[in-house]
């Protein structure tokens, strides 16, 4: 469900149904128990991280790491790439 919330514009109900929940309330409660956040709060957190990332001055030119660890420009979790010295 987290992936659908991160990578799509599906409603919380649609994201829950996509992973098998028939009830929006039950899907939200299960998500909260698993993550500590409600689905709505999770999306707000991602949007806040994205805005902070884009409001900050750019890092070192040519850097190959994501500016916000684990968050790419598209909001999809990424594996940080590190240059070998």
C-alpha atoms as a PDB file:
ATOM      1  CA  UNK A   1       0.000   0.000   0.000  1.00  0.00           C
ATOM      2  CA  UNK A   2       2.892   2.344   0.772  1.00  0.00           C
ATOM      3  CA  UNK A   3       4.186   1.948  -2.776  1.00  0.00           C
ATOM      4  CA  UNK A   4       0.792   2.888  -4.230  1.00  0.00           C
ATOM      5  CA  UNK A   5       0.624   5.921  -1.960  1.00  0.00           C
ATOM      6  CA  UNK A   6       4.166   6.935  -2.965  1.00  0.00           C
ATOM      7  CA  UNK A   7       4.046   6.246  -6.671  1.00  0.00           C
ATOM      8  CA  UNK A   8       0.433   6.929  -7.701  1.00  0.00           C
ATOM      9  CA  UNK A   9      -2.373   9.388  -7.181  1.00  0.00           C
ATOM     10  CA  UNK A  10      -4.760   6.632  -6.095  1.00  0.00           C
ATOM     11  CA  UNK A  11      -7.047   7.495  -3.214  1.00  0.00           C
ATOM     12  CA  UNK A  12      -6.367   5.762   0.082  1.00  0.00           C
ATOM     13  CA  UNK A  13      -9.409   3.568  -0.528  1.00  0.00           C
ATOM     14  CA  UNK A  14      -8.185   2.611  -4.024  1.00  0.00           C
ATOM     15  CA  UNK A  15      -4.658   1.888  -2.744  1.00  0.00           C
ATOM     16  CA  UNK A  16      -6.103  -0.299   0.018  1.00  0.00           C
ATOM     17  CA  UNK A  17      -8.314  -2.220  -2.403  1.00  0.00           C
ATOM     18  CA  UNK A  18      -5.346  -2.726  -4.716  1.00  0.00           C
ATOM     19  CA  UNK A  19      -3.622  -4.735  -1.960  1.00  0.00           C
ATOM     20  CA  UNK A  20      -6.741  -6.588  -0.872  1.00  0.00           C
ATOM     21  CA  UNK A  21      -8.460  -4.478   1.795  1.00  0.00           C
ATOM     22  CA  UNK A  22     -12.211  -4.075   1.312  1.00  0.00           C
ATOM     23  CA  UNK A  23     -12.574  -1.388   3.998  1.00  0.00           C
ATOM     24  CA  UNK A  24     -10.786   1.975   3.829  1.00  0.00           C
ATOM     25  CA  UNK A  25     -10.919   2.196   7.621  1.00  0.00           C
ATOM     26  CA  UNK A  26      -9.338  -1.239   8.110  1.00  0.00           C
ATOM     27  CA  UNK A  27      -6.676  -0.518   5.479  1.00  0.00           C
ATOM     28  CA  UNK A  28      -5.838   2.784   7.201  1.00  0.00           C
ATOM     29  CA  UNK A  29      -5.655   1.132  10.617  1.00  0.00           C
ATOM     30  CA  UNK A  30      -3.429  -1.690   9.356  1.00  0.00           C
ATOM     31  CA  UNK A  31      -1.175   0.853   7.604  1.00  0.00           C
ATOM     32  CA  UNK A  32      -0.930   2.901  10.806  1.00  0.00           C
ATOM     33  CA  UNK A  33      -0.072  -0.171  12.868  1.00  0.00           C
ATOM     34  CA  UNK A  34       2.631  -1.181  10.398  1.00  0.00           C
ATOM     35  CA  UNK A  35       4.206   2.249   9.843  1.00  0.00           C
ATOM     36  CA  UNK A  36       3.184   4.419  12.778  1.00  0.00           C
ATOM     37  CA  UNK A  37       1.568   6.870  10.352  1.00  0.00           C
ATOM     38  CA  UNK A  38      -1.850   7.148   8.805  1.00  0.00           C
ATOM     39  CA  UNK A  39      -1.856   6.915   4.998  1.00  0.00           C
ATOM     40  CA  UNK A  40      -2.704  10.630   4.774  1.00  0.00           C
ATOM     41  CA  UNK A  41       0.128  11.568   7.135  1.00  0.00           C
ATOM     42  CA  UNK A  42       2.505   9.353   5.117  1.00  0.00           C
ATOM     43  CA  UNK A  43       1.714  11.273   1.935  1.00  0.00           C
ATOM     44  CA  UNK A  44       2.111  14.600   3.738  1.00  0.00           C
ATOM     45  CA  UNK A  45       5.511  13.460   5.047  1.00  0.00           C
ATOM     46  CA  UNK A  46       6.650  12.509   1.525  1.00  0.00           C
ATOM     47  CA  UNK A  47       5.445  15.827   0.095  1.00  0.00           C
ATOM     48  CA  UNK A  48       7.229  17.741   2.872  1.00  0.00           C
ATOM     49  CA  UNK A  49      10.491  15.872   2.250  1.00  0.00           C
ATOM     50  CA  UNK A  50      10.180  16.524  -1.479  1.00  0.00           C
ATOM     51  CA  UNK A  51       9.572  20.266  -0.941  1.00  0.00           C
ATOM     52  CA  UNK A  52      12.476  20.553   1.508  1.00  0.00           C
ATOM     53  CA  UNK A  53      14.702  18.765  -0.967  1.00  0.00           C
ATOM     54  CA  UNK A  54      13.827  21.194  -3.762  1.00  0.00           C
ATOM     55  CA  UNK A  55      14.048  24.302  -1.552  1.00  0.00           C
ATOM     56  CA  UNK A  56      17.636  23.506  -0.551  1.00  0.00           C
ATOM     57  CA  UNK A  57      20.668  24.702  -2.498  1.00  0.00           C
ATOM     58  CA  UNK A  58      22.039  22.004  -4.785  1.00  0.00           C
ATOM     59  CA  UNK A  59      24.839  19.782  -3.550  1.00  0.00           C
ATOM     60  CA  UNK A  60      28.218  19.238  -5.092  1.00  0.00           C
ATOM     61  CA  UNK A  61      28.043  19.213  -8.879  1.00  0.00           C
ATOM     62  CA  UNK A  62      28.150  15.714 -10.238  1.00  0.00           C
ATOM     63  CA  UNK A  63      27.019  14.079  -7.002  1.00  0.00           C
ATOM     64  CA  UNK A  64      25.501  10.676  -7.655  1.00  0.00           C
ATOM     65  CA  UNK A  65      23.663  10.315  -4.357  1.00  0.00           C
ATOM     66  CA  UNK A  66      20.034  11.202  -3.819  1.00  0.00           C
ATOM     67  CA  UNK A  67      19.746  14.553  -2.028  1.00  0.00           C
ATOM     68  CA  UNK A  68      17.237  13.139   0.434  1.00  0.00           C
ATOM     69  CA  UNK A  69      18.417   9.638   1.364  1.00  0.00           C
ATOM     70  CA  UNK A  70      16.043   7.087  -0.099  1.00  0.00           C
ATOM     71  CA  UNK A  71      13.963   9.665  -1.975  1.00  0.00           C
ATOM     72  CA  UNK A  72      14.451  10.384  -5.641  1.00  0.00           C
ATOM     73  CA  UNK A  73      13.016  13.336  -7.534  1.00  0.00           C
ATOM     74  CA  UNK A  74       9.980  11.233  -8.403  1.00  0.00           C
ATOM     75  CA  UNK A  75       9.355  10.352  -4.745  1.00  0.00           C
ATOM     76  CA  UNK A  76      10.295   6.723  -5.296  1.00  0.00           C
ATOM     77  CA  UNK A  77      12.633   5.070  -2.856  1.00  0.00           C
ATOM     78  CA  UNK A  78      16.062   4.600  -4.329  1.00  0.00           C
ATOM     79  CA  UNK A  79      19.294   2.916  -3.452  1.00  0.00           C
ATOM     80  CA  UNK A  80      22.009   5.509  -3.033  1.00  0.00           C
ATOM     81  CA  UNK A  81      24.720   5.306  -5.623  1.00  0.00           C
ATOM     82  CA  UNK A  82      28.171   6.011  -4.277  1.00  0.00           C
ATOM     83  CA  UNK A  83      31.215   6.829  -6.300  1.00  0.00           C
ATOM     84  CA  UNK A  84      34.175   4.625  -5.704  1.00  0.00           C
ATOM     85  CA  UNK A  85      37.349   6.543  -4.980  1.00  0.00           C
END
